Amino acid sequence: MENDFSKIKEHSNKFNKVQGLINYVNEATLIQEHRLQPKGKAVGIDGITKGDYQENLEENIKKLMNSMRNFRYKPKAVRRVYIPKGNGKVRPLGIPSYEDKLVQGVMSKALNNVYEDRFMDFSYGFREKRNCHQAIKEINQTIMREKVNYIVDADIKGFFDNISHEWLIKFLEHDIEDKRFIRYIKRFLYAGTMENMTFLESDKGTPQGGLISPVLANVYLHYVLDLWFEKRVKRQYKGEAYIVRYADDFICMFQYKNEAKQFYIELIERLKKFGLEIEEDKTKIIPFGRFARKNNTNVETFDFLGFTFINGETRTNKYRVVLRTSEKKLKLKRKAVKEWLKLNHQLKVDEVIDKLNRKLEGHYRYYGVSGNFRGIVKFYRYVVRELYKMLSRRSQRRYLNWERYFKKLKRKPILKPKIYISVW
């Protein structure tokens, strides 16, 4: 049995359709996938943990492979739980059963190798060696270097929950000639969800929390949006047109206002054809870029991947796109830190600061991009103030003033802001 996934990529580059993908789901790849699974994760409806499965690993894998060869393997329903989003709302989280995680993990690797070289260069989400900072950098440089005057900031309504199974299978069959592999993808799509002991059928959408869902979503938008934009939209317009996509978030950039408006109308119809729709309240056309800044006194901003893009200038009065942590994300981050300090007020001061520093480092590594020093400083100062409030509330023996507080911080400092990523 094959377990060298790179050979799939070779075949994908050579042939229009790839065959034999199911052969990559074998004992060796399933054991490898088991080893990659993190410990201590929540369990699905089977109640099996990685440790439980490890006790009879070889026997369990052999039984799983036997059931797959005889087409008796049927994925279990995904256990649905809800977690807080930080803004008072909750979002659903799907937890597959353990064996389903293994099979999905292997199948997702196979699919990624089929499609990696087929996907467009402007697609960044859930792809090897690509990340959100690269997407942000491309938007920044496109606006700076090209003739961009208008932005279509679009949002797809409930994308992952509304993917058409019928269309998704058609897209996959266009590139994959393996009925057994496609059959198991169908079974994952129709496995359903278990919520509060109630089974819910899934007639659309990708498996919640599934390891296979990200690549399936990319395949869907590759055909629905990416190829359409590249092969039709760009060719039919006279002006320049660009797109950058990260998962279901995307930004479209245009030279001419009338073409931006035309695209907006066509986008609605295009998505509708494939069972999707835009979130009208979150979708807008705005003037943006060096010329938009000159011709408009009140040029709008737009948000993408947690950053606000602003028309700004350098110290020498030259145009520059300025990035700031979006107020929405900053508000959520502040709220999360405040709640965390309340829950951990009993810890020793050094331990609190050590844990805060790890949180701050993660924040800086994501939001610490060129030009956003002011944004990460705002978060740093908030953390310093909230820690002071927490320590002063529990200081009973003597009053903790700012002077004493800063003496503590000299001995055990809070991690200061740092720029990690260049997007210029």
Protein backbone atom coordinates (compact mmCIF):
# COMPACT_ATOMS: atom_id res chain seq x y z
CA MET A 1 0.00 0.00 0.00
CA GLU A 2 1.19 3.49 -0.79
CA ASN A 3 1.85 5.96 2.01
CA ASP A 4 3.95 8.55 0.17
CA PHE A 5 1.39 11.32 -0.34
CA SER A 6 3.76 13.30 -2.56
CA LYS A 7 3.10 10.80 -5.35
CA ILE A 8 -0.51 11.99 -5.42
CA LYS A 9 0.70 15.47 -6.26
CA GLU A 10 2.84 14.09 -9.10
CA HIS A 11 -0.17 12.27 -10.57
CA SER A 12 -2.37 15.32 -10.11
CA ASN A 13 0.05 17.46 -12.08
CA LYS A 14 0.30 14.85 -14.83
CA PHE A 15 -3.33 13.78 -15.27
CA ASN A 16 -6.68 15.56 -15.33
CA LYS A 17 -8.15 13.01 -12.91
CA VAL A 18 -6.42 11.24 -10.05
CA GLN A 19 -7.04 7.55 -9.36
CA GLY A 20 -6.37 5.16 -6.49
CA LEU A 21 -6.70 7.62 -3.62
CA ILE A 22 -8.43 5.10 -1.37
CA ASN A 23 -5.22 3.03 -1.37
CA TYR A 24 -3.58 5.74 0.71
CA VAL A 25 -6.01 5.00 3.52
CA ASN A 26 -4.15 1.99 4.88
CA GLU A 27 -2.80 0.62 8.15
CA ALA A 28 0.47 2.54 7.92
CA THR A 29 -1.14 5.94 7.26
CA LEU A 30 -3.84 5.40 9.88
CA ILE A 31 -1.23 4.54 12.54
CA GLN A 32 0.76 7.59 11.50
CA GLU A 33 -2.37 9.73 11.81
CA HIS A 34 -3.04 8.26 15.26
CA ARG A 35 0.41 9.36 16.40
CA LEU A 36 -0.27 12.89 15.16
CA GLN A 37 -3.48 13.24 17.17
CA PRO A 38 -3.06 15.51 20.22
CA LYS A 39 -3.74 14.13 23.67
CA GLY A 40 -6.43 15.35 26.02
CA LYS A 41 -8.93 16.40 23.35
CA ALA A 42 -12.70 16.23 23.85
CA VAL A 43 -14.28 12.96 22.74
CA GLY A 44 -17.03 12.31 20.22
CA ILE A 45 -20.17 10.27 20.78
CA ASP A 46 -18.06 7.08 20.96
CA GLY A 47 -16.37 8.37 24.15
CA ILE A 48 -12.98 7.03 22.97
CA THR A 49 -9.78 8.96 23.69
CA LYS A 50 -6.40 8.58 22.07
CA GLY A 51 -5.20 6.65 25.12
CA ASP A 52 -8.14 4.23 24.90
CA TYR A 53 -7.43 3.56 21.23
CA GLN A 54 -3.71 3.13 21.89
CA GLU A 55 -4.27 0.16 24.21
CA ASN A 56 -5.10 -2.16 21.28
CA LEU A 57 -3.82 -0.03 18.43
CA GLU A 58 -2.85 -2.68 15.89
CA GLU A 59 -6.04 -4.68 16.44
CA ASN A 60 -8.21 -1.55 16.25
CA ILE A 61 -6.56 -0.43 13.01
CA LYS A 62 -6.97 -3.88 11.45
CA LYS A 63 -10.68 -3.93 12.34
CA LEU A 64 -11.09 -0.43 10.91
CA MET A 65 -9.36 -1.38 7.66
CA ASN A 66 -11.41 -4.56 7.35
CA SER A 67 -14.66 -2.61 7.74
CA MET A 68 -13.52 -0.09 5.12
CA ARG A 69 -12.57 -2.78 2.60
CA ASN A 70 -16.00 -4.35 3.01
CA PHE A 71 -17.77 -0.96 2.93
CA ARG A 72 -19.18 -1.55 6.41
CA TYR A 73 -17.44 1.51 7.82
CA LYS A 74 -19.91 4.30 8.49
CA PRO A 75 -18.81 7.52 10.21
CA LYS A 76 -20.61 8.31 13.44
CA ALA A 77 -22.61 11.48 13.98
CA VAL A 78 -20.55 14.46 15.14
CA ARG A 79 -21.10 15.53 18.75
CA ARG A 80 -22.11 19.20 18.81
CA VAL A 81 -21.24 21.49 21.70
CA TYR A 82 -21.33 25.27 22.02
CA ILE A 83 -18.50 27.50 23.15
CA PRO A 84 -18.59 31.24 23.97
CA LYS A 85 -17.32 33.62 21.29
CA GLY A 86 -16.43 36.40 23.73
CA ASN A 87 -19.16 38.79 22.57
CA GLY A 88 -21.97 37.17 24.54
CA LYS A 89 -22.80 34.79 21.72
CA VAL A 90 -21.82 31.16 21.22
CA ARG A 91 -20.64 29.19 18.23
CA PRO A 92 -21.19 25.50 17.52
CA LEU A 93 -18.24 23.14 17.66
CA GLY A 94 -18.30 19.64 16.21
CA ILE A 95 -16.33 16.79 17.78
CA PRO A 96 -15.97 13.67 15.57
CA SER A 97 -15.45 10.19 16.96
CA TYR A 98 -11.86 9.04 17.25
CA GLU A 99 -11.72 6.62 14.30
CA ASP A 100 -13.47 9.20 12.13
CA LYS A 101 -10.70 11.65 12.99
CA LEU A 102 -8.10 9.14 11.78
CA VAL A 103 -9.83 8.40 8.48
CA GLN A 104 -10.57 12.07 7.84
CA GLY A 105 -6.99 13.00 8.65
CA VAL A 106 -5.60 10.60 6.04
CA MET A 107 -8.21 11.51 3.43
CA SER A 108 -7.56 15.23 3.94
CA LYS A 109 -3.85 14.69 3.29
CA ALA A 110 -4.70 12.89 0.06
CA LEU A 111 -7.04 15.69 -1.03
CA ASN A 112 -4.53 18.39 -0.17
CA ASN A 113 -1.99 16.73 -2.44
CA VAL A 114 -4.53 16.47 -5.25
CA TYR A 115 -5.47 20.13 -5.08
CA GLU A 116 -2.46 22.02 -3.77
CA ASP A 117 -1.08 22.78 -7.22
CA ARG A 118 -4.57 23.24 -8.68
CA PHE A 119 -5.62 25.95 -6.24
CA MET A 120 -5.05 29.59 -7.19
CA ASP A 121 -2.12 31.59 -5.81
CA PHE A 122 -4.45 34.14 -4.18
CA SER A 123 -5.99 31.45 -1.95
CA TYR A 124 -4.26 31.27 1.45
CA GLY A 125 -6.48 29.53 3.99
CA PHE A 126 -5.81 25.97 5.22
CA ARG A 127 -2.93 25.40 2.83
CA GLU A 128 0.59 24.13 3.41
CA LYS A 129 3.20 26.87 3.91
CA ARG A 130 0.56 29.59 3.58
CA ASN A 131 -0.89 31.75 6.32
CA CYS A 132 -3.01 34.80 7.08
CA HIS A 133 -0.03 37.16 7.21
CA GLN A 134 0.80 36.31 3.59
CA ALA A 135 -2.78 37.11 2.60
CA ILE A 136 -2.60 40.44 4.46
CA LYS A 137 0.73 41.22 2.80
CA GLU A 138 -0.67 40.53 -0.67
CA ILE A 139 -3.63 42.85 -0.09
CA ASN A 140 -1.32 45.54 1.23
CA GLN A 141 1.10 45.29 -1.68
CA THR A 142 -1.66 45.07 -4.30
CA ILE A 143 -3.23 48.28 -3.06
CA MET A 144 0.16 49.98 -2.87
CA ARG A 145 1.47 48.90 -6.29
CA GLU A 146 -1.56 48.39 -8.54
CA LYS A 147 -4.40 50.59 -9.77
CA VAL A 148 -6.79 49.88 -6.94
CA ASN A 149 -9.47 52.47 -6.22
CA TYR A 150 -12.39 50.42 -4.89
CA ILE A 151 -12.77 47.51 -2.48
CA VAL A 152 -15.60 44.99 -2.44
CA ASP A 153 -15.60 43.74 1.15
CA ALA A 154 -17.85 40.66 0.95
CA ASP A 155 -19.03 38.17 3.55
CA ILE A 156 -20.68 34.81 2.79
CA LYS A 157 -23.56 33.99 5.11
CA GLY A 158 -22.97 30.77 7.06
CA PHE A 159 -20.64 29.36 4.42
CA PHE A 160 -19.58 26.10 6.08
CA ASP A 161 -23.17 25.24 7.00
CA ASN A 162 -24.57 25.86 3.52
CA ILE A 163 -22.20 24.04 1.18
CA SER A 164 -24.25 22.01 -1.30
CA HIS A 165 -23.37 18.31 -1.09
CA GLU A 166 -24.47 17.76 -4.67
CA TRP A 167 -22.23 20.48 -6.07
CA LEU A 168 -19.30 19.50 -3.86
CA ILE A 169 -19.38 15.91 -5.11
CA LYS A 170 -19.55 17.16 -8.72
CA PHE A 171 -16.47 19.29 -8.14
CA LEU A 172 -14.59 16.38 -6.58
CA GLU A 173 -15.57 13.98 -9.36
CA HIS A 174 -14.23 16.48 -11.87
CA ASP A 175 -10.71 15.83 -10.49
CA ILE A 176 -10.91 12.41 -8.82
CA GLU A 177 -11.74 9.10 -10.45
CA ASP A 178 -12.08 6.87 -7.42
CA LYS A 179 -15.62 5.78 -6.56
CA ARG A 180 -14.65 4.25 -3.22
CA PHE A 181 -12.89 7.41 -2.06
CA ILE A 182 -15.83 9.58 -3.13
CA ARG A 183 -18.24 7.16 -1.44
CA TYR A 184 -16.57 7.68 1.94
CA ILE A 185 -16.60 11.46 1.51
CA LYS A 186 -20.35 11.19 0.93
CA ARG A 187 -20.71 9.18 4.12
CA PHE A 188 -18.89 11.85 6.10
CA LEU A 189 -21.09 14.55 4.59
CA TYR A 190 -24.29 12.70 5.52
CA ALA A 191 -23.15 11.43 8.95
CA GLY A 192 -25.24 14.02 10.79
CA THR A 193 -24.92 15.65 14.19
CA MET A 194 -25.79 14.58 17.72
CA GLU A 195 -26.93 17.40 20.00
CA ASN A 196 -28.38 16.78 23.48
CA MET A 197 -29.11 13.13 22.59
CA THR A 198 -30.98 14.22 19.46
CA PHE A 199 -29.81 13.19 15.99
CA LEU A 200 -29.87 15.91 13.36
CA GLU A 201 -29.55 15.03 9.69
CA SER A 202 -27.07 16.90 7.52
CA ASP A 203 -28.39 17.65 4.04
CA LYS A 204 -25.82 20.40 3.44
CA GLY A 205 -22.59 21.75 4.90
CA THR A 206 -19.27 20.09 5.74
CA PRO A 207 -18.63 17.93 8.84
CA GLN A 208 -18.35 20.20 11.86
CA GLY A 209 -14.91 20.02 13.41
CA GLY A 210 -13.84 17.51 10.78
CA LEU A 211 -10.23 17.35 9.65
CA ILE A 212 -11.52 17.00 6.11
CA SER A 213 -13.73 20.10 6.19
CA PRO A 214 -11.08 22.78 5.45
CA VAL A 215 -9.90 21.20 2.19
CA LEU A 216 -13.48 20.44 1.10
CA ALA A 217 -14.36 24.10 1.70
CA ASN A 218 -11.37 25.19 -0.36
CA VAL A 219 -12.40 22.87 -3.21
CA TYR A 220 -15.90 24.35 -3.14
CA LEU A 221 -14.75 27.97 -3.31
CA HIS A 222 -12.06 27.09 -5.83
CA TYR A 223 -14.82 26.29 -8.31
CA VAL A 224 -17.51 28.68 -7.10
CA LEU A 225 -15.35 31.79 -6.66
CA ASP A 226 -11.66 31.50 -7.54
CA LEU A 227 -11.80 30.08 -11.06
CA TRP A 228 -14.81 32.24 -11.90
CA PHE A 229 -12.96 35.39 -10.83
CA GLU A 230 -9.74 34.44 -12.61
CA LYS A 231 -11.18 33.18 -15.90
CA ARG A 232 -14.29 35.33 -16.30
CA VAL A 233 -14.41 38.39 -14.06
CA LYS A 234 -10.86 39.59 -14.75
CA ARG A 235 -11.18 39.00 -18.48
CA GLN A 236 -14.51 40.77 -19.01
CA TYR A 237 -13.57 43.99 -17.21
CA LYS A 238 -11.46 46.72 -18.79
CA GLY A 239 -9.89 47.84 -15.52
CA GLU A 240 -7.64 45.93 -13.17
CA ALA A 241 -9.24 43.45 -10.76
CA TYR A 242 -7.72 41.41 -7.94
CA ILE A 243 -8.90 39.01 -5.25
CA VAL A 244 -7.33 37.60 -2.07
CA ARG A 245 -9.10 34.79 -0.22
CA TYR A 246 -8.49 33.16 3.15
CA ALA A 247 -10.98 30.31 3.66
CA ASP A 248 -14.41 31.96 3.22
CA ASP A 249 -13.10 35.48 3.85
CA PHE A 250 -12.11 37.39 0.73
CA ILE A 251 -11.38 40.91 -0.48
CA CYS A 252 -11.83 42.03 -4.10
CA MET A 253 -10.03 45.09 -5.46
CA PHE A 254 -11.01 47.09 -8.57
CA GLN A 255 -9.78 50.01 -10.60
CA TYR A 256 -13.21 51.29 -11.63
CA LYS A 257 -16.28 51.93 -9.51
CA ASN A 258 -18.79 50.72 -12.13
CA GLU A 259 -16.96 47.40 -12.44
CA ALA A 260 -16.89 46.99 -8.66
CA LYS A 261 -20.66 47.54 -8.62
CA GLN A 262 -21.16 45.12 -11.51
CA PHE A 263 -19.10 42.47 -9.74
CA TYR A 264 -21.20 42.91 -6.59
CA ILE A 265 -24.38 42.15 -8.57
CA GLU A 266 -22.80 39.20 -10.38
CA LEU A 267 -21.38 37.83 -7.12
CA ILE A 268 -24.86 37.58 -5.61
CA GLU A 269 -26.10 35.57 -8.59
CA ARG A 270 -22.99 33.42 -8.71
CA LEU A 271 -23.25 32.42 -5.05
CA LYS A 272 -26.98 31.83 -5.34
CA LYS A 273 -26.39 29.27 -8.08
CA PHE A 274 -24.37 27.18 -5.62
CA GLY A 275 -26.64 27.53 -2.59
CA LEU A 276 -24.82 30.46 -0.98
CA GLU A 277 -25.67 34.08 -0.27
CA ILE A 278 -23.86 37.16 0.93
CA GLU A 279 -24.38 38.77 4.31
CA GLU A 280 -25.69 42.10 3.02
CA ASP A 281 -25.14 43.94 6.29
CA LYS A 282 -21.45 42.99 6.19
CA THR A 283 -20.83 43.46 2.46
CA LYS A 284 -19.96 46.86 1.03
CA ILE A 285 -18.18 48.73 -1.75
CA ILE A 286 -15.80 51.41 -0.53
CA PRO A 287 -13.36 53.82 -2.19
CA PHE A 288 -9.85 52.87 -1.12
CA GLY A 289 -6.31 53.51 -2.32
CA ARG A 290 -4.06 56.48 -3.07
CA PHE A 291 -6.44 58.05 -5.59
CA ALA A 292 -9.52 57.40 -3.46
CA ARG A 293 -7.77 59.18 -0.61
CA LYS A 294 -7.06 62.21 -2.78
CA ASN A 295 -10.59 62.46 -4.16
CA ASN A 296 -12.59 61.71 -1.00
CA THR A 297 -12.42 63.51 2.30
CA ASN A 298 -14.17 60.67 4.15
CA VAL A 299 -12.63 57.46 2.86
CA GLU A 300 -13.85 54.34 4.66
CA THR A 301 -11.78 51.53 6.14
CA PHE A 302 -12.28 47.77 5.91
CA ASP A 303 -11.48 44.82 8.16
CA PHE A 304 -9.86 41.55 7.13
CA LEU A 305 -8.56 38.71 9.32
CA GLY A 306 -8.64 40.83 12.47
CA PHE A 307 -6.96 43.92 11.00
CA THR A 308 -8.38 47.27 9.95
CA PHE A 309 -6.94 48.62 6.68
CA ILE A 310 -6.62 52.42 6.67
CA ASN A 311 -5.52 54.94 4.05
CA GLY A 312 -2.51 56.61 5.63
CA GLU A 313 0.79 58.25 4.82
CA THR A 314 4.46 58.11 5.73
CA ARG A 315 6.36 60.84 7.56
CA THR A 316 7.26 62.27 4.16
CA ASN A 317 3.56 62.49 3.22
CA LYS A 318 3.66 59.56 0.80
CA TYR A 319 0.70 57.21 0.58
CA ARG A 320 0.75 54.03 2.65
CA VAL A 321 -1.77 51.43 3.75
CA VAL A 322 -1.84 51.44 7.54
CA LEU A 323 -2.83 48.34 9.51
CA ARG A 324 -4.38 48.41 12.98
CA THR A 325 -5.84 45.72 15.18
CA SER A 326 -9.57 45.90 14.50
CA GLU A 327 -11.57 47.44 17.34
CA LYS A 328 -13.88 44.44 17.37
CA LYS A 329 -11.01 42.00 17.89
CA LEU A 330 -9.29 44.29 20.38
CA LYS A 331 -12.47 44.50 22.43
CA LEU A 332 -12.80 40.71 22.50
CA LYS A 333 -9.15 40.28 23.47
CA ARG A 334 -9.53 42.77 26.30
CA LYS A 335 -12.64 41.03 27.60
CA ALA A 336 -10.90 37.64 27.48
CA VAL A 337 -7.91 38.91 29.48
CA LYS A 338 -10.14 40.60 32.06
CA GLU A 339 -12.14 37.40 32.60
CA TRP A 340 -8.97 35.31 32.76
CA LEU A 341 -7.53 37.55 35.49
CA LYS A 342 -10.73 37.21 37.51
CA LEU A 343 -10.59 33.41 37.28
CA ASN A 344 -6.88 33.25 38.19
CA HIS A 345 -6.64 35.91 40.90
CA GLN A 346 -5.56 33.29 43.45
CA LEU A 347 -2.32 32.45 41.61
CA LYS A 348 1.05 33.82 42.73
CA VAL A 349 2.06 37.06 41.04
CA ASP A 350 5.01 35.51 39.18
CA GLU A 351 2.82 32.70 37.88
CA VAL A 352 0.15 35.16 36.70
CA ILE A 353 2.75 37.23 34.84
CA ASP A 354 4.32 34.14 33.25
CA LYS A 355 0.95 33.05 31.90
CA LEU A 356 0.07 36.58 30.79
CA ASN A 357 3.37 36.83 28.95
CA ARG A 358 2.57 33.70 26.97
CA LYS A 359 -0.77 35.22 26.01
CA LEU A 360 0.91 38.50 25.08
CA GLU A 361 3.52 36.76 22.95
CA GLY A 362 0.78 35.00 21.00
CA HIS A 363 -0.99 38.34 20.54
CA TYR A 364 2.18 40.07 19.34
CA ARG A 365 3.06 37.25 16.96
CA TYR A 366 -0.29 37.62 15.22
CA TYR A 367 -1.01 41.36 15.47
CA GLY A 368 2.61 42.51 15.53
CA VAL A 369 2.81 43.45 11.84
CA SER A 370 4.45 46.40 10.15
CA GLY A 371 2.81 49.66 11.17
CA ASN A 372 0.66 48.18 13.95
CA PHE A 373 2.97 48.96 16.88
CA ARG A 374 0.37 51.41 18.18
CA GLY A 375 -2.27 48.66 18.07
CA ILE A 376 -0.29 46.16 20.14
CA VAL A 377 0.82 48.89 22.57
CA LYS A 378 -2.86 49.60 23.31
CA PHE A 379 -3.35 45.97 24.28
CA TYR A 380 -0.15 45.90 26.35
CA ARG A 381 -1.21 48.98 28.34
CA TYR A 382 -4.64 47.48 28.94
CA VAL A 383 -3.06 44.30 30.34
CA VAL A 384 -0.79 46.36 32.61
CA ARG A 385 -3.80 48.29 33.99
CA GLU A 386 -5.97 45.21 34.49
CA LEU A 387 -3.20 43.34 36.29
CA TYR A 388 -2.78 46.35 38.61
CA LYS A 389 -6.52 46.33 39.36
CA MET A 390 -6.49 42.63 40.10
CA LEU A 391 -3.46 42.85 42.42
CA SER A 392 -4.77 45.95 44.22
CA ARG A 393 -8.11 44.24 44.93
CA ARG A 394 -6.44 41.31 46.62
CA SER A 395 -3.81 43.41 48.45
CA GLN A 396 -5.18 43.50 51.99
CA ARG A 397 -2.12 44.24 54.13
CA ARG A 398 -1.15 47.49 52.49
CA TYR A 399 -2.30 49.74 49.71
CA LEU A 400 -0.76 48.90 46.35
CA ASN A 401 0.00 52.14 44.58
CA TRP A 402 1.45 52.51 41.10
CA GLU A 403 4.96 53.07 42.45
CA ARG A 404 4.99 49.74 44.32
CA TYR A 405 3.34 48.07 41.32
CA PHE A 406 6.03 49.21 38.91
CA LYS A 407 8.72 48.06 41.32
CA LYS A 408 7.16 44.60 41.12
CA LEU A 409 7.20 44.79 37.33
CA LYS A 410 10.90 45.70 37.30
CA ARG A 411 11.57 42.45 39.14
CA LYS A 412 9.12 40.44 37.03
CA PRO A 413 8.36 42.42 33.84
CA ILE A 414 5.37 42.07 31.56
CA LEU A 415 6.39 41.24 28.00
CA LYS A 416 6.64 44.45 25.98
CA PRO A 417 5.26 44.87 22.44
CA LYS A 418 7.34 43.73 19.48
CA ILE A 419 6.80 43.67 15.72
CA TYR A 420 7.25 40.14 14.37
CA ILE A 421 5.90 40.25 10.81
CA SER A 422 6.79 42.53 7.89
CA VAL A 423 3.99 43.09 5.38
CA TRP A 424 5.65 45.97 3.53
